[in-house]
């Protein structure tokens, strides 16, 4: 699991094309030329991140305004897992909070 101090930065909105299709969303990365098929909550996470470098707790707080995430601790753990997956896909970048 990632260090809680890890910050994540999404690619700028103009670097990707997002096309919702029923239960999935296609995200085309202009930089890599790859189209990713993702489900909720990925599009909502990327939108909530905006252009800010955020940690999982900050993103959980932003998402909590629109979604019932259950317990804060559980939400942070789940969001951390999703952020790590997005980092592996190249949709977000990791950086340390130093």
PDB file of N, CA and C in Angstrom:
ATOM      1  N   UNK A   1       0.850  -1.186   0.000  1.00  0.00           N
ATOM      2  CA  UNK A   1       0.000   0.000   0.000  1.00  0.00           C
ATOM      3  C   UNK A   1       0.891   1.243   0.000  1.00  0.00           C
ATOM      4  N   UNK A   2       0.399   2.284  -0.589  1.00  0.00           N
ATOM      5  CA  UNK A   2       1.152   3.530  -0.692  1.00  0.00           C
ATOM      6  C   UNK A   2       1.275   4.209   0.662  1.00  0.00           C
ATOM      7  N   UNK A   3       2.312   4.981   0.799  1.00  0.00           N
ATOM      8  CA  UNK A   3       2.523   5.814   1.980  1.00  0.00           C
ATOM      9  C   UNK A   3       1.389   6.832   2.061  1.00  0.00           C
ATOM     10  N   UNK A   4       0.808   7.042   3.258  1.00  0.00           N
ATOM     11  CA  UNK A   4      -0.294   8.006   3.373  1.00  0.00           C
ATOM     12  C   UNK A   4       0.092   9.417   2.940  1.00  0.00           C
ATOM     13  N   UNK A   5       1.373   9.715   2.927  1.00  0.00           N
ATOM     14  CA  UNK A   5       1.837  11.045   2.528  1.00  0.00           C
ATOM     15  C   UNK A   5       1.977  11.190   1.012  1.00  0.00           C
ATOM     16  N   UNK A   6       1.718  10.120   0.270  1.00  0.00           N
ATOM     17  CA  UNK A   6       1.850  10.176  -1.176  1.00  0.00           C
ATOM     18  C   UNK A   6       0.803  11.110  -1.766  1.00  0.00           C
ATOM     19  N   UNK A   7       1.245  11.971  -2.637  1.00  0.00           N
ATOM     20  CA  UNK A   7       0.346  12.858  -3.369  1.00  0.00           C
ATOM     21  C   UNK A   7       0.180  12.306  -4.778  1.00  0.00           C
ATOM     22  N   UNK A   8      -0.977  12.545  -5.346  1.00  0.00           N
ATOM     23  CA  UNK A   8      -1.284  12.087  -6.696  1.00  0.00           C
ATOM     24  C   UNK A   8      -1.740  13.278  -7.514  1.00  0.00           C
ATOM     25  N   UNK A   9      -1.304  13.313  -8.752  1.00  0.00           N
ATOM     26  CA  UNK A   9      -1.648  14.403  -9.659  1.00  0.00           C
ATOM     27  C   UNK A   9      -2.216  13.797 -10.935  1.00  0.00           C
ATOM     28  N   UNK A  10      -3.431  14.183 -11.291  1.00  0.00           N
ATOM     29  CA  UNK A  10      -4.060  13.694 -12.519  1.00  0.00           C
ATOM     30  C   UNK A  10      -3.521  14.460 -13.711  1.00  0.00           C
ATOM     31  N   UNK A  11      -3.534  13.795 -14.846  1.00  0.00           N
ATOM     32  CA  UNK A  11      -3.186  14.497 -16.076  1.00  0.00           C
ATOM     33  C   UNK A  11      -4.189  15.627 -16.280  1.00  0.00           C
ATOM     34  N   UNK A  12      -3.778  16.706 -16.910  1.00  0.00           N
ATOM     35  CA  UNK A  12      -4.723  17.795 -17.171  1.00  0.00           C
ATOM     36  C   UNK A  12      -5.914  17.296 -17.994  1.00  0.00           C
ATOM     37  N   UNK A  13      -7.066  17.869 -17.766  1.00  0.00           N
ATOM     38  CA  UNK A  13      -8.282  17.452 -18.471  1.00  0.00           C
ATOM     39  C   UNK A  13      -8.097  17.494 -19.988  1.00  0.00           C
ATOM     40  N   UNK A  14      -7.352  18.465 -20.477  1.00  0.00           N
ATOM     41  CA  UNK A  14      -7.160  18.565 -21.932  1.00  0.00           C
ATOM     42  C   UNK A  14      -6.238  17.475 -22.486  1.00  0.00           C
ATOM     43  N   UNK A  15      -5.590  16.713 -21.611  1.00  0.00           N
ATOM     44  CA  UNK A  15      -4.702  15.627 -22.040  1.00  0.00           C
ATOM     45  C   UNK A  15      -5.456  14.319 -22.238  1.00  0.00           C
ATOM     46  N   UNK A  16      -6.764  14.341 -21.983  1.00  0.00           N
ATOM     47  CA  UNK A  16      -7.555  13.119 -22.131  1.00  0.00           C
ATOM     48  C   UNK A  16      -8.934  13.459 -22.678  1.00  0.00           C
ATOM     49  N   UNK A  17      -9.515  12.491 -23.352  1.00  0.00           N
ATOM     50  CA  UNK A  17     -10.889  12.604 -23.835  1.00  0.00           C
ATOM     51  C   UNK A  17     -11.705  11.592 -23.041  1.00  0.00           C
ATOM     52  N   UNK A  18     -12.779  12.053 -22.439  1.00  0.00           N
ATOM     53  CA  UNK A  18     -13.626  11.200 -21.602  1.00  0.00           C
ATOM     54  C   UNK A  18     -14.971  11.030 -22.287  1.00  0.00           C
ATOM     55  N   UNK A  19     -15.370   9.761 -22.464  1.00  0.00           N
ATOM     56  CA  UNK A  19     -16.632   9.462 -23.145  1.00  0.00           C
ATOM     57  C   UNK A  19     -17.413   8.435 -22.331  1.00  0.00           C
ATOM     58  N   UNK A  20     -18.436   8.884 -21.575  1.00  0.00           N
ATOM     59  CA  UNK A  20     -19.241   7.945 -20.791  1.00  0.00           C
ATOM     60  C   UNK A  20     -20.141   7.089 -21.699  1.00  0.00           C
ATOM     61  N   UNK A  21     -20.162   5.787 -21.435  1.00  0.00           N
ATOM     62  CA  UNK A  21     -20.997   4.846 -22.188  1.00  0.00           C
ATOM     63  C   UNK A  21     -21.701   3.924 -21.191  1.00  0.00           C
ATOM     64  N   UNK A  22     -22.935   4.228 -20.869  1.00  0.00           N
ATOM     65  CA  UNK A  22     -23.698   3.437 -19.901  1.00  0.00           C
ATOM     66  C   UNK A  22     -22.920   3.251 -18.608  1.00  0.00           C
ATOM     67  N   UNK A  23     -22.542   2.026 -18.274  1.00  0.00           N
ATOM     68  CA  UNK A  23     -21.895   1.721 -16.993  1.00  0.00           C
ATOM     69  C   UNK A  23     -20.373   1.877 -17.022  1.00  0.00           C
ATOM     70  N   UNK A  24     -19.790   2.108 -18.190  1.00  0.00           N
ATOM     71  CA  UNK A  24     -18.343   2.303 -18.273  1.00  0.00           C
ATOM     72  C   UNK A  24     -18.047   3.670 -18.878  1.00  0.00           C
ATOM     73  N   UNK A  25     -16.824   4.090 -18.703  1.00  0.00           N
ATOM     74  CA  UNK A  25     -16.366   5.344 -19.295  1.00  0.00           C
ATOM     75  C   UNK A  25     -15.072   5.055 -20.034  1.00  0.00           C
ATOM     76  N   UNK A  26     -14.963   5.568 -21.237  1.00  0.00           N
ATOM     77  CA  UNK A  26     -13.726   5.458 -22.005  1.00  0.00           C
ATOM     78  C   UNK A  26     -12.907   6.714 -21.761  1.00  0.00           C
ATOM     79  N   UNK A  27     -11.642   6.517 -21.442  1.00  0.00           N
ATOM     80  CA  UNK A  27     -10.728   7.649 -21.255  1.00  0.00           C
ATOM     81  C   UNK A  27      -9.572   7.454 -22.225  1.00  0.00           C
ATOM     82  N   UNK A  28      -9.495   8.333 -23.204  1.00  0.00           N
ATOM     83  CA  UNK A  28      -8.410   8.299 -24.180  1.00  0.00           C
ATOM     84  C   UNK A  28      -7.311   9.237 -23.705  1.00  0.00           C
ATOM     85  N   UNK A  29      -6.112   8.684 -23.543  1.00  0.00           N
ATOM     86  CA  UNK A  29      -4.945   9.481 -23.151  1.00  0.00           C
ATOM     87  C   UNK A  29      -4.237   9.954 -24.410  1.00  0.00           C
ATOM     88  N   UNK A  30      -4.233  11.233 -24.620  1.00  0.00           N
ATOM     89  CA  UNK A  30      -3.561  11.775 -25.807  1.00  0.00           C
ATOM     90  C   UNK A  30      -2.061  11.454 -25.801  1.00  0.00           C
ATOM     91  N   UNK A  31      -1.423  11.543 -24.637  1.00  0.00           N
ATOM     92  CA  UNK A  31       0.021  11.331 -24.531  1.00  0.00           C
ATOM     93  C   UNK A  31       0.432   9.928 -24.971  1.00  0.00           C
ATOM     94  N   UNK A  32      -0.295   8.920 -24.494  1.00  0.00           N
ATOM     95  CA  UNK A  32       0.093   7.542 -24.776  1.00  0.00           C
ATOM     96  C   UNK A  32      -0.648   6.944 -25.964  1.00  0.00           C
ATOM     97  N   UNK A  33      -1.785   7.533 -26.327  1.00  0.00           N
ATOM     98  CA  UNK A  33      -2.596   6.959 -27.392  1.00  0.00           C
ATOM     99  C   UNK A  33      -3.411   5.760 -26.937  1.00  0.00           C
ATOM    100  N   UNK A  34      -3.496   5.545 -25.635  1.00  0.00           N
ATOM    101  CA  UNK A  34      -4.213   4.401 -25.077  1.00  0.00           C
ATOM    102  C   UNK A  34      -5.603   4.838 -24.638  1.00  0.00           C
ATOM    103  N   UNK A  35      -6.588   3.976 -24.903  1.00  0.00           N
ATOM    104  CA  UNK A  35      -7.936   4.183 -24.404  1.00  0.00           C
ATOM    105  C   UNK A  35      -8.170   3.228 -23.241  1.00  0.00           C
ATOM    106  N   UNK A  36      -8.543   3.773 -22.104  1.00  0.00           N
ATOM    107  CA  UNK A  36      -8.818   2.982 -20.907  1.00  0.00           C
ATOM    108  C   UNK A  36     -10.327   2.856 -20.737  1.00  0.00           C
ATOM    109  N   UNK A  37     -10.794   1.654 -20.394  1.00  0.00           N
ATOM    110  CA  UNK A  37     -12.198   1.439 -20.050  1.00  0.00           C
ATOM    111  C   UNK A  37     -12.259   1.370 -18.534  1.00  0.00           C
ATOM    112  N   UNK A  38     -12.981   2.297 -17.928  1.00  0.00           N
ATOM    113  CA  UNK A  38     -13.046   2.369 -16.465  1.00  0.00           C
ATOM    114  C   UNK A  38     -14.496   2.458 -16.016  1.00  0.00           C
ATOM    115  N   UNK A  39     -14.720   2.104 -14.776  1.00  0.00           N
ATOM    116  CA  UNK A  39     -16.041   2.239 -14.168  1.00  0.00           C
ATOM    117  C   UNK A  39     -15.970   3.245 -13.040  1.00  0.00           C
ATOM    118  N   UNK A  40     -17.124   3.464 -12.420  1.00  0.00           N
ATOM    119  CA  UNK A  40     -17.144   4.340 -11.255  1.00  0.00           C
ATOM    120  C   UNK A  40     -16.269   3.721 -10.176  1.00  0.00           C
ATOM    121  N   UNK A  41     -15.562   4.476  -9.446  1.00  0.00           N
ATOM    122  CA  UNK A  41     -15.575   5.919  -9.272  1.00  0.00           C
ATOM    123  C   UNK A  41     -14.440   6.637  -9.995  1.00  0.00           C
ATOM    124  N   UNK A  42     -13.791   5.978 -10.962  1.00  0.00           N
ATOM    125  CA  UNK A  42     -12.612   6.573 -11.600  1.00  0.00           C
ATOM    126  C   UNK A  42     -12.894   7.937 -12.225  1.00  0.00           C
ATOM    127  N   UNK A  43     -13.913   8.084 -13.073  1.00  0.00           N
ATOM    128  CA  UNK A  43     -14.138   9.418 -13.661  1.00  0.00           C
ATOM    129  C   UNK A  43     -14.402  10.490 -12.602  1.00  0.00           C
ATOM    130  N   UNK A  44     -15.146  10.117 -11.576  1.00  0.00           N
ATOM    131  CA  UNK A  44     -15.450  11.061 -10.510  1.00  0.00           C
ATOM    132  C   UNK A  44     -14.194  11.429  -9.723  1.00  0.00           C
ATOM    133  N   UNK A  45     -13.312  10.469  -9.529  1.00  0.00           N
ATOM    134  CA  UNK A  45     -12.058  10.741  -8.822  1.00  0.00           C
ATOM    135  C   UNK A  45     -11.205  11.719  -9.624  1.00  0.00           C
ATOM    136  N   UNK A  46     -11.047  11.458 -10.915  1.00  0.00           N
ATOM    137  CA  UNK A  46     -10.223  12.341 -11.744  1.00  0.00           C
ATOM    138  C   UNK A  46     -10.795  13.751 -11.773  1.00  0.00           C
ATOM    139  N   UNK A  47     -12.111  13.842 -11.857  1.00  0.00           N
ATOM    140  CA  UNK A  47     -12.750  15.161 -11.864  1.00  0.00           C
ATOM    141  C   UNK A  47     -12.545  15.875 -10.532  1.00  0.00           C
ATOM    142  N   UNK A  48     -12.695  15.139  -9.432  1.00  0.00           N
ATOM    143  CA  UNK A  48     -12.528  15.745  -8.105  1.00  0.00           C
ATOM    144  C   UNK A  48     -11.089  16.163  -7.838  1.00  0.00           C
ATOM    145  N   UNK A  49     -10.140  15.483  -8.454  1.00  0.00           N
ATOM    146  CA  UNK A  49      -8.729  15.853  -8.276  1.00  0.00           C
ATOM    147  C   UNK A  49      -8.434  17.189  -8.925  1.00  0.00           C
ATOM    148  N   UNK A  50      -9.080  17.449 -10.042  1.00  0.00           N
ATOM    149  CA  UNK A  50      -8.810  18.690 -10.756  1.00  0.00           C
ATOM    150  C   UNK A  50      -7.344  18.776 -11.135  1.00  0.00           C
ATOM    151  N   UNK A  51      -6.741  19.929 -10.939  1.00  0.00           N
ATOM    152  CA  UNK A  51      -5.326  20.112 -11.279  1.00  0.00           C
ATOM    153  C   UNK A  51      -4.450  20.117 -10.032  1.00  0.00           C
ATOM    154  N   UNK A  52      -5.039  19.723  -8.897  1.00  0.00           N
ATOM    155  CA  UNK A  52      -4.302  19.722  -7.625  1.00  0.00           C
ATOM    156  C   UNK A  52      -3.615  18.385  -7.380  1.00  0.00           C
ATOM    157  N   UNK A  53      -2.464  18.432  -6.744  1.00  0.00           N
ATOM    158  CA  UNK A  53      -1.834  17.218  -6.217  1.00  0.00           C
ATOM    159  C   UNK A  53      -2.507  16.946  -4.873  1.00  0.00           C
ATOM    160  N   UNK A  54      -3.127  15.779  -4.745  1.00  0.00           N
ATOM    161  CA  UNK A  54      -3.897  15.473  -3.540  1.00  0.00           C
ATOM    162  C   UNK A  54      -3.482  14.127  -2.966  1.00  0.00           C
ATOM    163  N   UNK A  55      -3.693  13.982  -1.653  1.00  0.00           N
ATOM    164  CA  UNK A  55      -3.529  12.672  -1.035  1.00  0.00           C
ATOM    165  C   UNK A  55      -4.904  12.015  -0.971  1.00  0.00           C
ATOM    166  N   UNK A  56      -4.935  10.748  -0.565  1.00  0.00           N
ATOM    167  CA  UNK A  56      -6.188  10.003  -0.545  1.00  0.00           C
ATOM    168  C   UNK A  56      -7.209  10.618   0.403  1.00  0.00           C
ATOM    169  N   UNK A  57      -6.758  11.129   1.547  1.00  0.00           N
ATOM    170  CA  UNK A  57      -7.686  11.724   2.513  1.00  0.00           C
ATOM    171  C   UNK A  57      -8.342  12.978   1.942  1.00  0.00           C
ATOM    172  N   UNK A  58      -7.584  13.801   1.252  1.00  0.00           N
ATOM    173  CA  UNK A  58      -8.139  15.012   0.635  1.00  0.00           C
ATOM    174  C   UNK A  58      -9.152  14.648  -0.438  1.00  0.00           C
ATOM    175  N   UNK A  59      -8.802  13.665  -1.250  1.00  0.00           N
ATOM    176  CA  UNK A  59      -9.726  13.238  -2.304  1.00  0.00           C
ATOM    177  C   UNK A  59     -10.991  12.641  -1.697  1.00  0.00           C
ATOM    178  N   UNK A  60     -10.851  11.877  -0.625  1.00  0.00           N
ATOM    179  CA  UNK A  60     -12.025  11.318   0.060  1.00  0.00           C
ATOM    180  C   UNK A  60     -12.938  12.434   0.549  1.00  0.00           C
ATOM    181  N   UNK A  61     -12.362  13.470   1.106  1.00  0.00           N
ATOM    182  CA  UNK A  61     -13.160  14.607   1.584  1.00  0.00           C
ATOM    183  C   UNK A  61     -13.905  15.274   0.433  1.00  0.00           C
ATOM    184  N   UNK A  62     -13.238  15.434  -0.694  1.00  0.00           N
ATOM    185  CA  UNK A  62     -13.882  16.060  -1.854  1.00  0.00           C
ATOM    186  C   UNK A  62     -15.021  15.193  -2.379  1.00  0.00           C
ATOM    187  N   UNK A  63     -14.806  13.892  -2.430  1.00  0.00           N
ATOM    188  CA  UNK A  63     -15.830  12.985  -2.933  1.00  0.00           C
ATOM    189  C   UNK A  63     -16.992  12.836  -1.956  1.00  0.00           C
ATOM    190  N   UNK A  64     -16.701  12.948  -0.668  1.00  0.00           N
ATOM    191  CA  UNK A  64     -17.731  12.819   0.368  1.00  0.00           C
ATOM    192  C   UNK A  64     -18.828  13.869   0.191  1.00  0.00           C
ATOM    193  N   UNK A  65     -18.486  15.011  -0.406  1.00  0.00           N
ATOM    194  CA  UNK A  65     -19.476  16.064  -0.638  1.00  0.00           C
ATOM    195  C   UNK A  65     -20.568  15.611  -1.610  1.00  0.00           C
ATOM    196  N   UNK A  66     -20.246  14.671  -2.498  1.00  0.00           N
ATOM    197  CA  UNK A  66     -21.203  14.222  -3.505  1.00  0.00           C
ATOM    198  C   UNK A  66     -21.665  12.778  -3.340  1.00  0.00           C
ATOM    199  N   UNK A  67     -20.878  11.971  -2.612  1.00  0.00           N
ATOM    200  CA  UNK A  67     -21.157  10.548  -2.505  1.00  0.00           C
ATOM    201  C   UNK A  67     -21.083  10.091  -1.052  1.00  0.00           C
ATOM    202  N   UNK A  68     -21.864   9.082  -0.707  1.00  0.00           N
ATOM    203  CA  UNK A  68     -21.777   8.469   0.613  1.00  0.00           C
ATOM    204  C   UNK A  68     -20.649   7.447   0.560  1.00  0.00           C
ATOM    205  N   UNK A  69     -19.543   7.759   1.196  1.00  0.00           N
ATOM    206  CA  UNK A  69     -18.369   6.890   1.161  1.00  0.00           C
ATOM    207  C   UNK A  69     -18.281   5.959   2.367  1.00  0.00           C
ATOM    208  N   UNK A  70     -19.258   6.013   3.249  1.00  0.00           N
ATOM    209  CA  UNK A  70     -19.193   5.178   4.441  1.00  0.00           C
ATOM    210  C   UNK A  70     -18.202   5.777   5.425  1.00  0.00           C
ATOM    211  N   UNK A  71     -17.510   4.935   6.143  1.00  0.00           N
ATOM    212  CA  UNK A  71     -16.524   5.402   7.117  1.00  0.00           C
ATOM    213  C   UNK A  71     -15.334   6.058   6.451  1.00  0.00           C
ATOM    214  N   UNK A  72     -14.850   7.139   7.026  1.00  0.00           N
ATOM    215  CA  UNK A  72     -13.727   7.894   6.460  1.00  0.00           C
ATOM    216  C   UNK A  72     -12.483   7.029   6.304  1.00  0.00           C
ATOM    217  N   UNK A  73     -12.170   6.215   7.334  1.00  0.00           N
ATOM    218  CA  UNK A  73     -10.957   5.382   7.265  1.00  0.00           C
ATOM    219  C   UNK A  73     -11.060   4.378   6.117  1.00  0.00           C
ATOM    220  N   UNK A  74     -12.226   3.715   6.007  1.00  0.00           N
ATOM    221  CA  UNK A  74     -12.424   2.766   4.916  1.00  0.00           C
ATOM    222  C   UNK A  74     -12.350   3.456   3.570  1.00  0.00           C
ATOM    223  N   UNK A  75     -12.928   4.645   3.472  1.00  0.00           N
ATOM    224  CA  UNK A  75     -12.926   5.387   2.220  1.00  0.00           C
ATOM    225  C   UNK A  75     -11.505   5.745   1.806  1.00  0.00           C
ATOM    226  N   UNK A  76     -10.702   6.184   2.752  1.00  0.00           N
ATOM    227  CA  UNK A  76      -9.310   6.556   2.437  1.00  0.00           C
ATOM    228  C   UNK A  76      -8.537   5.335   1.943  1.00  0.00           C
ATOM    229  N   UNK A  77      -8.734   4.197   2.589  1.00  0.00           N
ATOM    230  CA  UNK A  77      -8.036   2.973   2.160  1.00  0.00           C
ATOM    231  C   UNK A  77      -8.458   2.571   0.750  1.00  0.00           C
ATOM    232  N   UNK A  78      -9.745   2.624   0.468  1.00  0.00           N
ATOM    233  CA  UNK A  78     -10.228   2.262  -0.864  1.00  0.00           C
ATOM    234  C   UNK A  78      -9.758   3.251  -1.924  1.00  0.00           C
ATOM    235  N   UNK A  79      -9.783   4.529  -1.597  1.00  0.00           N
ATOM    236  CA  UNK A  79      -9.334   5.538  -2.556  1.00  0.00           C
ATOM    237  C   UNK A  79      -7.834   5.409  -2.808  1.00  0.00           C
ATOM    238  N   UNK A  80      -7.084   5.081  -1.768  1.00  0.00           N
ATOM    239  CA  UNK A  80      -5.647   4.848  -1.951  1.00  0.00           C
ATOM    240  C   UNK A  80      -5.414   3.706  -2.934  1.00  0.00           C
ATOM    241  N   UNK A  81      -6.165   2.626  -2.802  1.00  0.00           N
ATOM    242  CA  UNK A  81      -6.035   1.495  -3.733  1.00  0.00           C
ATOM    243  C   UNK A  81      -6.343   1.934  -5.160  1.00  0.00           C
ATOM    244  N   UNK A  82      -7.436   2.689  -5.343  1.00  0.00           N
ATOM    245  CA  UNK A  82      -7.797   3.146  -6.687  1.00  0.00           C
ATOM    246  C   UNK A  82      -6.729   4.085  -7.250  1.00  0.00           C
ATOM    247  N   UNK A  83      -6.199   4.984  -6.417  1.00  0.00           N
ATOM    248  CA  UNK A  83      -5.158   5.903  -6.882  1.00  0.00           C
ATOM    249  C   UNK A  83      -3.913   5.140  -7.319  1.00  0.00           C
ATOM    250  N   UNK A  84      -3.570   4.109  -6.594  1.00  0.00           N
ATOM    251  CA  UNK A  84      -2.415   3.291  -6.973  1.00  0.00           C
ATOM    252  C   UNK A  84      -2.660   2.603  -8.315  1.00  0.00           C
ATOM    253  N   UNK A  85      -3.882   2.115  -8.527  1.00  0.00           N
ATOM    254  CA  UNK A  85      -4.219   1.507  -9.815  1.00  0.00           C
ATOM    255  C   UNK A  85      -4.137   2.530 -10.940  1.00  0.00           C
ATOM    256  N   UNK A  86      -4.631   3.730 -10.681  1.00  0.00           N
ATOM    257  CA  UNK A  86      -4.563   4.788 -11.691  1.00  0.00           C
ATOM    258  C   UNK A  86      -3.124   5.187 -11.991  1.00  0.00           C
ATOM    259  N   UNK A  87      -2.285   5.159 -10.968  1.00  0.00           N
ATOM    260  CA  UNK A  87      -0.863   5.457 -11.181  1.00  0.00           C
ATOM    261  C   UNK A  87      -0.220   4.386 -12.064  1.00  0.00           C
ATOM    262  N   UNK A  88      -0.583   3.131 -11.839  1.00  0.00           N
ATOM    263  CA  UNK A  88      -0.048   2.045 -12.669  1.00  0.00           C
ATOM    264  C   UNK A  88      -0.502   2.186 -14.128  1.00  0.00           C
ATOM    265  N   UNK A  89      -1.707   2.709 -14.333  1.00  0.00           N
ATOM    266  CA  UNK A  89      -2.219   2.926 -15.687  1.00  0.00           C
ATOM    267  C   UNK A  89      -1.633   4.176 -16.338  1.00  0.00           C
ATOM    268  N   UNK A  90      -1.045   5.039 -15.526  1.00  0.00           N
ATOM    269  CA  UNK A  90      -0.490   6.285 -16.041  1.00  0.00           C
ATOM    270  C   UNK A  90      -1.483   7.433 -16.101  1.00  0.00           C
ATOM    271  N   UNK A  91      -2.673   7.247 -15.496  1.00  0.00           N
ATOM    272  CA  UNK A  91      -3.667   8.323 -15.488  1.00  0.00           C
ATOM    273  C   UNK A  91      -3.395   9.343 -14.395  1.00  0.00           C
ATOM    274  N   UNK A  92      -2.643   8.969 -13.370  1.00  0.00           N
ATOM    275  CA  UNK A  92      -2.189   9.901 -12.346  1.00  0.00           C
ATOM    276  C   UNK A  92      -0.709   9.635 -12.082  1.00  0.00           C
ATOM    277  N   UNK A  93      -0.038  10.624 -11.546  1.00  0.00           N
ATOM    278  CA  UNK A  93       1.375  10.487 -11.171  1.00  0.00           C
ATOM    279  C   UNK A  93       1.494  10.538  -9.654  1.00  0.00           C
ATOM    280  N   UNK A  94       2.416   9.758  -9.109  1.00  0.00           N
ATOM    281  CA  UNK A  94       2.705   9.779  -7.671  1.00  0.00           C
ATOM    282  C   UNK A  94       3.807  10.781  -7.400  1.00  0.00           C
ATOM    283  N   UNK A  95       3.721  11.433  -6.248  1.00  0.00           N
ATOM    284  CA  UNK A  95       4.837  12.251  -5.782  1.00  0.00           C
ATOM    285  C   UNK A  95       4.804  12.235  -4.264  1.00  0.00           C
ATOM    286  N   UNK A  96       5.962  12.344  -3.632  1.00  0.00           N
ATOM    287  CA  UNK A  96       5.987  12.338  -2.169  1.00  0.00           C
ATOM    288  C   UNK A  96       5.646  13.712  -1.656  1.00  0.00           C
ATOM    289  N   UNK A  97       5.089  13.753  -0.486  1.00  0.00           N
ATOM    290  CA  UNK A  97       4.693  15.010   0.165  1.00  0.00           C
ATOM    291  C   UNK A  97       5.843  15.455   1.055  1.00  0.00           C
ATOM    292  N   UNK A  98       6.911  15.899   0.415  1.00  0.00           N
ATOM    293  CA  UNK A  98       8.102  16.279   1.191  1.00  0.00           C
ATOM    294  C   UNK A  98       8.277  17.771   1.227  1.00  0.00           C
TER     295      UNK A  98
END
